[in-house]
N, C-alpha and C. Protein backbone atom coordinates (compact mmCIF):
# COMPACT_ATOMS: atom_id res chain seq x y z
N MET A 1 39.18 -21.30 -6.05
CA MET A 1 39.83 -20.74 -7.31
C MET A 1 40.25 -21.83 -8.08
N ILE A 2 40.13 -21.49 -9.50
CA ILE A 2 40.43 -22.25 -10.51
C ILE A 2 42.12 -22.00 -11.01
N PRO A 3 42.87 -22.58 -10.96
CA PRO A 3 44.16 -22.40 -11.42
C PRO A 3 44.08 -21.88 -12.89
N ASN A 4 44.88 -21.13 -13.44
CA ASN A 4 45.00 -20.75 -15.03
C ASN A 4 45.60 -22.04 -15.57
N PRO A 5 45.21 -22.39 -16.66
CA PRO A 5 45.98 -23.39 -17.45
C PRO A 5 47.23 -22.90 -18.10
N PRO A 6 48.34 -23.75 -18.17
CA PRO A 6 49.55 -23.20 -18.94
C PRO A 6 49.49 -22.62 -20.25
N GLY A 7 50.24 -21.51 -20.35
CA GLY A 7 49.90 -20.80 -21.66
C GLY A 7 48.81 -19.92 -21.79
N ASP A 8 48.03 -19.57 -20.71
CA ASP A 8 46.99 -18.62 -20.49
C ASP A 8 47.66 -17.36 -20.96
N PRO A 9 47.09 -16.47 -21.48
CA PRO A 9 47.57 -15.25 -21.87
C PRO A 9 47.46 -14.08 -20.73
N HIS A 10 46.41 -14.32 -19.97
CA HIS A 10 46.25 -13.58 -18.72
C HIS A 10 47.25 -13.81 -17.72
N ALA A 11 47.63 -15.13 -17.54
CA ALA A 11 48.82 -15.51 -16.61
C ALA A 11 49.99 -15.01 -17.13
N ASP A 12 50.20 -15.29 -18.24
CA ASP A 12 51.52 -14.69 -18.69
C ASP A 12 51.82 -13.11 -18.63
N LEU A 13 50.57 -12.40 -18.71
CA LEU A 13 50.87 -10.87 -18.90
C LEU A 13 50.69 -10.60 -17.16
N VAL A 14 50.36 -11.47 -16.40
CA VAL A 14 50.42 -10.91 -14.85
C VAL A 14 51.88 -11.30 -14.42
N ARG A 15 52.48 -12.36 -14.90
CA ARG A 15 53.93 -12.70 -14.72
C ARG A 15 54.75 -11.70 -15.16
N LYS A 16 54.40 -11.29 -16.70
CA LYS A 16 55.41 -10.40 -17.16
C LYS A 16 55.41 -8.86 -16.14
N ARG A 17 54.11 -8.57 -15.71
CA ARG A 17 54.16 -7.20 -14.99
C ARG A 17 54.75 -7.48 -13.60
N GLN A 18 54.53 -8.70 -13.15
CA GLN A 18 55.72 -9.00 -11.80
C GLN A 18 56.98 -8.83 -11.89
N ARG A 19 57.58 -9.21 -12.97
CA ARG A 19 58.84 -9.17 -13.17
C ARG A 19 59.41 -7.86 -13.48
N THR A 20 58.58 -7.09 -14.19
CA THR A 20 58.92 -5.49 -14.68
C THR A 20 58.85 -4.99 -13.18
N ARG A 21 57.68 -5.22 -12.47
CA ARG A 21 57.94 -4.48 -11.06
C ARG A 21 58.96 -4.85 -10.23
N ALA A 22 59.30 -6.17 -10.12
CA ALA A 22 60.48 -6.57 -9.36
C ALA A 22 61.68 -5.88 -9.78
N ALA A 23 61.92 -6.00 -11.29
CA ALA A 23 63.17 -5.22 -11.88
C ALA A 23 63.20 -3.77 -11.39
N VAL A 24 62.23 -3.12 -11.28
CA VAL A 24 62.08 -1.85 -10.89
C VAL A 24 62.45 -1.42 -9.38
N LEU A 25 61.93 -2.44 -8.81
CA LEU A 25 62.19 -2.22 -7.44
C LEU A 25 63.67 -2.46 -6.85
N GLY A 26 63.99 -3.63 -7.81
CA GLY A 26 65.48 -3.84 -7.69
C GLY A 26 66.22 -2.50 -7.91
N VAL A 27 65.97 -1.84 -8.99
CA VAL A 27 67.04 -0.87 -9.47
C VAL A 27 66.94 0.42 -8.24
N ILE A 28 65.53 0.60 -7.93
CA ILE A 28 65.34 1.58 -6.85
C ILE A 28 66.07 1.22 -5.64
N LEU A 29 66.06 -0.04 -5.06
CA LEU A 29 66.53 -0.54 -3.99
C LEU A 29 68.18 -0.27 -3.98
N GLY A 30 68.78 -0.92 -5.35
CA GLY A 30 70.20 -0.52 -5.58
C GLY A 30 70.74 0.99 -5.39
N ALA A 31 69.80 1.77 -6.13
CA ALA A 31 70.10 3.12 -6.19
C ALA A 31 70.15 3.68 -4.81
N PHE A 32 69.31 3.16 -3.88
CA PHE A 32 69.17 3.60 -2.47
C PHE A 32 70.52 3.24 -1.64
N VAL A 33 70.90 2.03 -1.79
CA VAL A 33 71.93 1.40 -1.50
C VAL A 33 73.32 2.38 -1.68
N VAL A 34 73.48 2.66 -3.05
CA VAL A 34 74.68 3.74 -3.59
C VAL A 34 74.46 4.80 -2.87
N LEU A 35 73.40 5.66 -2.71
CA LEU A 35 73.19 7.02 -2.15
C LEU A 35 73.47 6.64 -0.60
N VAL A 36 72.98 5.75 0.15
CA VAL A 36 73.49 5.77 1.59
C VAL A 36 75.03 5.61 1.54
N PHE A 37 75.67 4.56 0.77
CA PHE A 37 77.06 4.18 0.88
C PHE A 37 77.81 5.52 0.72
N ALA A 38 77.20 6.53 -0.37
CA ALA A 38 77.85 7.73 -0.88
C ALA A 38 77.91 8.92 0.31
N ILE A 39 76.81 8.80 0.89
CA ILE A 39 76.83 9.63 1.95
C ILE A 39 77.56 9.21 3.27
N THR A 40 77.59 7.87 3.50
CA THR A 40 78.58 7.69 4.31
C THR A 40 80.15 7.97 4.18
N ILE A 41 80.50 7.76 3.22
CA ILE A 41 81.73 8.17 2.82
C ILE A 41 82.19 9.61 2.69
N ALA A 42 81.12 10.32 2.19
CA ALA A 42 81.46 11.91 2.43
C ALA A 42 81.29 12.42 3.84
N LYS A 43 80.83 11.65 4.73
CA LYS A 43 80.82 11.83 6.11
C LYS A 43 81.97 11.69 7.00
N ILE A 44 82.51 10.54 6.39
CA ILE A 44 83.82 9.81 6.99
C ILE A 44 84.77 10.75 6.68
N LYS A 45 84.93 11.24 5.21
CA LYS A 45 86.04 12.18 4.74
C LYS A 45 85.89 13.38 5.26
N ALA A 46 84.82 13.99 5.53
CA ALA A 46 84.51 15.23 6.35
C ALA A 46 85.07 15.40 7.79
N GLY A 47 85.20 14.13 8.40
CA GLY A 47 85.74 14.01 9.63
C GLY A 47 84.45 14.41 10.67
N MET A 48 83.25 13.53 10.58
CA MET A 48 82.05 13.74 11.08
C MET A 48 82.29 13.75 12.69
N PRO A 49 81.82 14.85 13.40
CA PRO A 49 82.12 15.00 14.94
C PRO A 49 81.28 13.87 15.81
N HIS A 50 81.64 13.54 16.72
CA HIS A 50 81.12 12.68 17.56
C HIS A 50 79.95 13.13 18.42
C-alpha cells in the first residue's frame, strides 16, 4: 500500500471524519458516565436496601 502524500485532500477528509467520530464518541461516553453517577447518587439517597 502506498502512503498518501502530505496535503492529500482524501487523507485530510479521512482525518477530519476520524476527529469528528472521536469527538462524538467522547460526548456519548461522558453522558454515560454522568448518567451512571446520577443513578448511583439517587440510589444512595434513597437508602438502597442490601
